[in-house]
Amino acid sequence: MPSCILQRDTRPVPDSRVQDSTRGEDGGGGDRSVGLMLKIASAHLWVHDQEVALKYWTENVGMEVRQDVTLPELSFRWLTVGPPGQDDVSIVLMAVPGPPVMDEATREQVMEVVAKGFAGTVFPDHRQLPGRL
């Protein structure tokens, strides 16, 4: 299951009324009030192999490495990539952990789900990706 790290964006919102894009303009009640905005700092994707994922996201999609920290004593690697020019956005390429984070049965279940393509979803602007995927 993907997870997100949220940061509160305290910048003022220019207009306190925002049109809800999921509703039509026919008076169906599309306006909603917006207070302080939350800004997503990172999203996590479960991956089978961090090296394969790193190669895909950097070479095929055009992301850049943000952080790559290995803690060998914990058998843990924190690996993040992000779109060039958007330094405040990161995608964590997280290897599916074993014990003590997940018991082996849970780990196997997550690995099966990841193999089916349900590791999380990232929706880049497709207009910026011609010929990359």
N, C-alpha and C. Protein backbone atom coordinates (compact mmCIF):
# COMPACT_ATOMS: atom_id res chain seq x y z
N MET A 1 0.83 -1.16 0.00
CA MET A 1 0.00 0.00 0.00
C MET A 1 0.89 1.24 0.00
N PRO A 2 0.67 2.18 -0.94
CA PRO A 2 1.49 3.38 -0.96
C PRO A 2 1.20 4.24 0.27
N SER A 3 2.18 4.97 0.68
CA SER A 3 1.97 5.91 1.77
C SER A 3 2.53 7.24 1.36
N CYS A 4 2.11 8.27 2.02
CA CYS A 4 2.55 9.61 1.68
C CYS A 4 3.06 10.32 2.92
N ILE A 5 4.02 11.20 2.71
CA ILE A 5 4.47 12.09 3.76
C ILE A 5 3.87 13.44 3.43
N LEU A 6 3.13 14.01 4.34
CA LEU A 6 2.46 15.27 4.08
C LEU A 6 3.14 16.41 4.81
N GLN A 7 3.21 17.54 4.16
CA GLN A 7 3.71 18.75 4.78
C GLN A 7 2.64 19.81 4.61
N ARG A 8 2.41 20.60 5.63
CA ARG A 8 1.42 21.66 5.53
C ARG A 8 2.02 22.82 4.75
N ASP A 9 1.32 23.24 3.69
CA ASP A 9 1.73 24.38 2.90
C ASP A 9 1.05 25.60 3.49
N THR A 10 1.81 26.50 4.06
CA THR A 10 1.23 27.65 4.74
C THR A 10 1.15 28.89 3.86
N ARG A 11 1.49 28.73 2.58
CA ARG A 11 1.36 29.87 1.67
C ARG A 11 -0.11 30.22 1.53
N PRO A 12 -0.44 31.51 1.42
CA PRO A 12 -1.85 31.88 1.27
C PRO A 12 -2.42 31.40 -0.06
N VAL A 13 -3.67 30.97 -0.01
CA VAL A 13 -4.37 30.57 -1.22
C VAL A 13 -4.96 31.84 -1.82
N PRO A 14 -4.70 32.13 -3.12
CA PRO A 14 -5.14 33.39 -3.71
C PRO A 14 -6.64 33.63 -3.62
N ASP A 15 -7.43 32.59 -3.75
CA ASP A 15 -8.87 32.72 -3.69
C ASP A 15 -9.39 31.65 -2.75
N SER A 16 -10.22 32.05 -1.80
CA SER A 16 -10.68 31.07 -0.81
C SER A 16 -11.78 30.17 -1.35
N ARG A 17 -12.25 30.42 -2.57
CA ARG A 17 -13.25 29.56 -3.21
C ARG A 17 -12.60 28.90 -4.41
N VAL A 18 -12.68 27.58 -4.50
CA VAL A 18 -12.07 26.84 -5.59
C VAL A 18 -13.15 26.03 -6.27
N GLN A 19 -13.17 26.04 -7.61
CA GLN A 19 -14.14 25.25 -8.35
C GLN A 19 -13.77 23.78 -8.25
N ASP A 20 -14.71 22.94 -7.86
CA ASP A 20 -14.49 21.50 -7.79
C ASP A 20 -14.57 20.95 -9.21
N SER A 21 -13.45 20.48 -9.74
CA SER A 21 -13.41 20.04 -11.13
C SER A 21 -14.17 18.74 -11.38
N THR A 22 -14.65 18.09 -10.33
CA THR A 22 -15.39 16.84 -10.53
C THR A 22 -16.86 17.09 -10.81
N ARG A 23 -17.29 18.33 -10.74
CA ARG A 23 -18.70 18.65 -10.98
C ARG A 23 -18.81 19.62 -12.15
N GLY A 24 -19.93 19.58 -12.78
CA GLY A 24 -20.16 20.43 -13.94
C GLY A 24 -20.44 21.87 -13.56
N GLU A 25 -20.59 22.70 -14.56
CA GLU A 25 -20.85 24.12 -14.37
C GLU A 25 -22.35 24.40 -14.37
N ASP A 26 -23.18 23.38 -14.23
CA ASP A 26 -24.63 23.53 -14.35
C ASP A 26 -25.30 23.85 -13.02
N GLY A 27 -24.54 24.37 -12.06
CA GLY A 27 -25.14 24.70 -10.78
C GLY A 27 -25.23 23.51 -9.85
N GLY A 28 -24.49 22.46 -10.12
CA GLY A 28 -24.54 21.25 -9.32
C GLY A 28 -23.75 21.36 -8.03
N GLY A 29 -23.48 22.56 -7.56
CA GLY A 29 -22.79 22.72 -6.28
C GLY A 29 -21.31 22.41 -6.35
N GLY A 30 -20.62 22.96 -7.33
CA GLY A 30 -19.21 22.65 -7.51
C GLY A 30 -18.26 23.47 -6.65
N ASP A 31 -18.73 24.52 -5.97
CA ASP A 31 -17.82 25.34 -5.18
C ASP A 31 -17.59 24.72 -3.82
N ARG A 32 -16.36 24.84 -3.32
CA ARG A 32 -16.06 24.39 -1.97
C ARG A 32 -15.01 25.31 -1.39
N SER A 33 -15.06 25.52 -0.10
CA SER A 33 -14.09 26.38 0.56
C SER A 33 -12.80 25.62 0.78
N VAL A 34 -11.70 26.32 0.65
CA VAL A 34 -10.39 25.71 0.86
C VAL A 34 -9.63 26.57 1.85
N GLY A 35 -9.10 25.92 2.87
CA GLY A 35 -8.27 26.63 3.84
C GLY A 35 -6.81 26.41 3.49
N LEU A 36 -5.99 26.08 4.48
CA LEU A 36 -4.59 25.80 4.24
C LEU A 36 -4.46 24.54 3.39
N MET A 37 -3.54 24.57 2.46
CA MET A 37 -3.33 23.44 1.55
C MET A 37 -2.27 22.51 2.13
N LEU A 38 -2.45 21.20 1.92
CA LEU A 38 -1.43 20.22 2.26
C LEU A 38 -0.61 19.96 1.01
N LYS A 39 0.67 19.85 1.19
CA LYS A 39 1.56 19.60 0.06
C LYS A 39 2.16 18.21 0.25
N ILE A 40 2.07 17.37 -0.76
CA ILE A 40 2.64 16.03 -0.68
C ILE A 40 4.13 16.13 -0.96
N ALA A 41 4.93 15.63 -0.03
CA ALA A 41 6.39 15.67 -0.17
C ALA A 41 6.91 14.41 -0.83
N SER A 42 6.32 13.26 -0.49
CA SER A 42 6.77 12.03 -1.13
C SER A 42 5.64 11.00 -1.16
N ALA A 43 5.74 10.13 -2.14
CA ALA A 43 4.83 8.99 -2.26
C ALA A 43 5.71 7.76 -2.34
N HIS A 44 5.24 6.65 -1.79
CA HIS A 44 6.03 5.43 -1.75
C HIS A 44 5.50 4.43 -2.76
N LEU A 45 6.42 3.80 -3.48
CA LEU A 45 6.07 2.70 -4.37
C LEU A 45 6.84 1.47 -3.91
N TRP A 46 6.13 0.36 -3.70
CA TRP A 46 6.80 -0.89 -3.40
C TRP A 46 7.45 -1.38 -4.68
N VAL A 47 8.68 -1.86 -4.61
CA VAL A 47 9.37 -2.39 -5.79
C VAL A 47 10.03 -3.71 -5.43
N HIS A 48 10.13 -4.61 -6.42
CA HIS A 48 10.82 -5.88 -6.22
C HIS A 48 12.32 -5.68 -6.13
N ASP A 49 12.85 -4.80 -6.96
CA ASP A 49 14.28 -4.62 -7.07
C ASP A 49 14.57 -3.12 -7.21
N GLN A 50 15.23 -2.54 -6.24
CA GLN A 50 15.48 -1.11 -6.27
C GLN A 50 16.38 -0.69 -7.43
N GLU A 51 17.33 -1.51 -7.80
CA GLU A 51 18.22 -1.16 -8.93
C GLU A 51 17.45 -1.13 -10.24
N VAL A 52 16.59 -2.10 -10.46
CA VAL A 52 15.77 -2.14 -11.68
C VAL A 52 14.82 -0.94 -11.70
N ALA A 53 14.20 -0.66 -10.56
CA ALA A 53 13.28 0.48 -10.46
C ALA A 53 14.02 1.79 -10.70
N LEU A 54 15.21 1.92 -10.12
CA LEU A 54 16.00 3.13 -10.29
C LEU A 54 16.33 3.35 -11.77
N LYS A 55 16.75 2.31 -12.43
CA LYS A 55 17.08 2.41 -13.86
C LYS A 55 15.85 2.83 -14.66
N TYR A 56 14.70 2.21 -14.39
CA TYR A 56 13.47 2.54 -15.11
C TYR A 56 13.10 4.01 -14.91
N TRP A 57 13.02 4.44 -13.65
CA TRP A 57 12.55 5.80 -13.36
C TRP A 57 13.51 6.88 -13.83
N THR A 58 14.81 6.60 -13.82
CA THR A 58 15.76 7.62 -14.27
C THR A 58 15.98 7.57 -15.78
N GLU A 59 16.19 6.39 -16.34
CA GLU A 59 16.52 6.29 -17.76
C GLU A 59 15.30 6.34 -18.68
N ASN A 60 14.18 5.75 -18.26
CA ASN A 60 13.00 5.71 -19.13
C ASN A 60 12.06 6.89 -18.91
N VAL A 61 11.86 7.26 -17.66
CA VAL A 61 10.89 8.30 -17.34
C VAL A 61 11.56 9.68 -17.24
N GLY A 62 12.84 9.71 -16.92
CA GLY A 62 13.55 10.99 -16.86
C GLY A 62 13.62 11.61 -15.49
N MET A 63 13.34 10.83 -14.44
CA MET A 63 13.46 11.35 -13.08
C MET A 63 14.93 11.45 -12.71
N GLU A 64 15.19 12.21 -11.65
CA GLU A 64 16.55 12.31 -11.13
C GLU A 64 16.59 11.76 -9.71
N VAL A 65 17.75 11.25 -9.31
CA VAL A 65 17.91 10.70 -7.96
C VAL A 65 17.90 11.86 -6.97
N ARG A 66 17.09 11.72 -5.93
CA ARG A 66 17.03 12.73 -4.86
C ARG A 66 17.85 12.29 -3.66
N GLN A 67 17.60 11.07 -3.21
CA GLN A 67 18.32 10.52 -2.05
C GLN A 67 18.60 9.05 -2.31
N ASP A 68 19.79 8.62 -1.90
CA ASP A 68 20.14 7.21 -2.00
C ASP A 68 21.04 6.91 -0.80
N VAL A 69 20.41 6.43 0.27
CA VAL A 69 21.11 6.19 1.53
C VAL A 69 20.93 4.73 1.92
N THR A 70 22.04 4.05 2.15
CA THR A 70 21.99 2.65 2.57
C THR A 70 22.46 2.54 4.02
N LEU A 71 21.70 1.81 4.80
CA LEU A 71 22.05 1.50 6.18
C LEU A 71 22.28 0.00 6.25
N PRO A 72 23.52 -0.45 6.00
CA PRO A 72 23.78 -1.89 5.92
C PRO A 72 23.46 -2.64 7.21
N GLU A 73 23.65 -1.99 8.35
CA GLU A 73 23.37 -2.66 9.62
C GLU A 73 21.89 -2.99 9.79
N LEU A 74 21.03 -2.30 9.03
CA LEU A 74 19.58 -2.56 9.09
C LEU A 74 19.08 -3.23 7.81
N SER A 75 19.98 -3.49 6.87
CA SER A 75 19.60 -4.02 5.56
C SER A 75 18.51 -3.16 4.94
N PHE A 76 18.76 -1.85 4.92
CA PHE A 76 17.74 -0.89 4.48
C PHE A 76 18.36 0.12 3.54
N ARG A 77 17.62 0.45 2.49
CA ARG A 77 18.05 1.48 1.55
C ARG A 77 16.90 2.44 1.31
N TRP A 78 17.14 3.73 1.53
CA TRP A 78 16.17 4.79 1.27
C TRP A 78 16.55 5.39 -0.07
N LEU A 79 15.71 5.16 -1.08
CA LEU A 79 15.99 5.58 -2.44
C LEU A 79 14.83 6.40 -2.96
N THR A 80 15.10 7.65 -3.33
CA THR A 80 14.04 8.50 -3.86
C THR A 80 14.46 9.11 -5.19
N VAL A 81 13.47 9.30 -6.05
CA VAL A 81 13.65 9.98 -7.32
C VAL A 81 12.58 11.06 -7.42
N GLY A 82 12.78 11.99 -8.34
CA GLY A 82 11.78 13.03 -8.53
C GLY A 82 11.95 13.69 -9.88
N PRO A 83 10.94 14.44 -10.28
CA PRO A 83 11.00 15.11 -11.57
C PRO A 83 11.95 16.31 -11.52
N PRO A 84 12.78 16.48 -12.55
CA PRO A 84 13.66 17.65 -12.59
C PRO A 84 12.84 18.94 -12.49
N GLY A 85 13.34 19.86 -11.70
CA GLY A 85 12.65 21.14 -11.55
C GLY A 85 11.57 21.15 -10.50
N GLN A 86 11.27 20.01 -9.89
CA GLN A 86 10.28 19.94 -8.82
C GLN A 86 10.96 19.33 -7.60
N ASP A 87 11.85 20.10 -7.00
CA ASP A 87 12.67 19.59 -5.91
C ASP A 87 11.89 19.19 -4.66
N ASP A 88 10.64 19.64 -4.54
CA ASP A 88 9.86 19.33 -3.36
C ASP A 88 9.00 18.07 -3.51
N VAL A 89 9.17 17.33 -4.62
CA VAL A 89 8.40 16.12 -4.86
C VAL A 89 9.36 14.94 -4.98
N SER A 90 9.11 13.88 -4.24
CA SER A 90 9.93 12.68 -4.31
C SER A 90 9.06 11.44 -4.35
N ILE A 91 9.54 10.45 -5.09
CA ILE A 91 8.92 9.13 -5.12
C ILE A 91 9.90 8.18 -4.46
N VAL A 92 9.47 7.53 -3.38
CA VAL A 92 10.32 6.59 -2.67
C VAL A 92 10.18 5.23 -3.35
N LEU A 93 11.29 4.69 -3.81
CA LEU A 93 11.31 3.36 -4.41
C LEU A 93 11.69 2.39 -3.29
N MET A 94 10.67 1.86 -2.64
CA MET A 94 10.85 1.11 -1.40
C MET A 94 10.82 -0.39 -1.65
N ALA A 95 11.91 -1.06 -1.32
CA ALA A 95 11.94 -2.52 -1.39
C ALA A 95 10.94 -3.08 -0.37
N VAL A 96 10.28 -4.15 -0.74
CA VAL A 96 9.33 -4.77 0.17
C VAL A 96 10.13 -5.38 1.32
N PRO A 97 9.89 -4.92 2.55
CA PRO A 97 10.70 -5.37 3.68
C PRO A 97 10.23 -6.70 4.25
N GLY A 98 11.14 -7.36 4.92
CA GLY A 98 10.81 -8.57 5.67
C GLY A 98 10.75 -8.23 7.14
N PRO A 99 10.93 -9.22 8.00
CA PRO A 99 10.92 -8.98 9.44
C PRO A 99 12.04 -8.00 9.84
N PRO A 100 11.83 -7.17 10.79
CA PRO A 100 10.69 -7.09 11.70
C PRO A 100 9.55 -6.22 11.20
N VAL A 101 9.72 -5.56 10.03
CA VAL A 101 8.67 -4.67 9.53
C VAL A 101 7.44 -5.47 9.11
N MET A 102 7.65 -6.54 8.33
CA MET A 102 6.57 -7.41 7.89
C MET A 102 6.97 -8.85 8.18
N ASP A 103 5.99 -9.62 8.64
CA ASP A 103 6.29 -11.05 8.78
C ASP A 103 6.39 -11.65 7.37
N GLU A 104 6.95 -12.83 7.25
CA GLU A 104 7.22 -13.41 5.94
C GLU A 104 5.94 -13.63 5.12
N ALA A 105 4.85 -14.02 5.77
CA ALA A 105 3.60 -14.24 5.04
C ALA A 105 3.08 -12.93 4.43
N THR A 106 3.16 -11.86 5.21
CA THR A 106 2.72 -10.54 4.71
C THR A 106 3.63 -10.08 3.58
N ARG A 107 4.93 -10.27 3.75
CA ARG A 107 5.88 -9.88 2.71
C ARG A 107 5.55 -10.60 1.40
N GLU A 108 5.29 -11.88 1.46
CA GLU A 108 4.96 -12.65 0.26
C GLU A 108 3.68 -12.13 -0.38
N GLN A 109 2.68 -11.78 0.43
CA GLN A 109 1.43 -11.24 -0.10
C GLN A 109 1.68 -9.91 -0.81
N VAL A 110 2.48 -9.04 -0.20
CA VAL A 110 2.79 -7.75 -0.81
C VAL A 110 3.56 -7.96 -2.11
N MET A 111 4.51 -8.89 -2.12
CA MET A 111 5.28 -9.17 -3.33
C MET A 111 4.37 -9.65 -4.46
N GLU A 112 3.37 -10.47 -4.13
CA GLU A 112 2.42 -10.94 -5.14
C GLU A 112 1.61 -9.78 -5.70
N VAL A 113 1.18 -8.89 -4.85
CA VAL A 113 0.41 -7.73 -5.30
C VAL A 113 1.28 -6.82 -6.16
N VAL A 114 2.53 -6.60 -5.75
CA VAL A 114 3.46 -5.78 -6.53
C VAL A 114 3.68 -6.41 -7.91
N ALA A 115 3.81 -7.73 -7.97
CA ALA A 115 4.02 -8.42 -9.24
C ALA A 115 2.84 -8.21 -10.19
N LYS A 116 1.66 -7.95 -9.64
CA LYS A 116 0.48 -7.71 -10.46
C LYS A 116 0.35 -6.25 -10.87
N GLY A 117 1.26 -5.40 -10.38
CA GLY A 117 1.24 -3.99 -10.76
C GLY A 117 0.52 -3.08 -9.79
N PHE A 118 0.25 -3.56 -8.59
CA PHE A 118 -0.45 -2.75 -7.61
C PHE A 118 0.49 -2.26 -6.51
N ALA A 119 1.55 -1.59 -6.92
CA ALA A 119 2.54 -1.11 -5.96
C ALA A 119 2.29 0.33 -5.58
N GLY A 120 1.33 0.94 -6.18
CA GLY A 120 1.10 2.37 -6.05
C GLY A 120 1.04 2.92 -7.46
N THR A 121 0.64 4.15 -7.59
CA THR A 121 0.51 4.73 -8.92
C THR A 121 1.05 6.14 -8.92
N VAL A 122 1.76 6.47 -9.98
CA VAL A 122 2.25 7.83 -10.20
C VAL A 122 1.70 8.25 -11.55
N PHE A 123 1.09 9.41 -11.61
CA PHE A 123 0.52 9.92 -12.85
C PHE A 123 1.28 11.15 -13.32
N PRO A 124 2.35 10.94 -14.10
CA PRO A 124 3.04 12.11 -14.65
C PRO A 124 2.22 12.71 -15.78
N ASP A 125 2.48 13.95 -16.11
CA ASP A 125 1.82 14.59 -17.25
C ASP A 125 2.30 13.88 -18.51
N HIS A 126 1.40 13.15 -19.15
CA HIS A 126 1.78 12.33 -20.31
C HIS A 126 2.34 13.15 -21.46
N ARG A 127 2.04 14.44 -21.51
CA ARG A 127 2.54 15.27 -22.61
C ARG A 127 4.05 15.47 -22.50
N GLN A 128 4.61 15.25 -21.32
CA GLN A 128 6.04 15.43 -21.12
C GLN A 128 6.81 14.14 -21.33
N LEU A 129 6.14 13.04 -21.66
CA LEU A 129 6.80 11.74 -21.73
C LEU A 129 6.80 11.08 -23.11
N PRO A 130 6.57 11.79 -24.21
CA PRO A 130 6.52 11.09 -25.49
C PRO A 130 7.79 10.29 -25.75
N GLY A 131 7.61 9.04 -26.13
CA GLY A 131 8.73 8.19 -26.48
C GLY A 131 9.54 7.67 -25.31
N ARG A 132 9.18 7.98 -24.07
CA ARG A 132 9.98 7.55 -22.92
C ARG A 132 9.49 6.25 -22.33
N LEU A 133 8.21 5.96 -22.46
CA LEU A 133 7.66 4.78 -21.80
C LEU A 133 7.61 3.59 -22.71
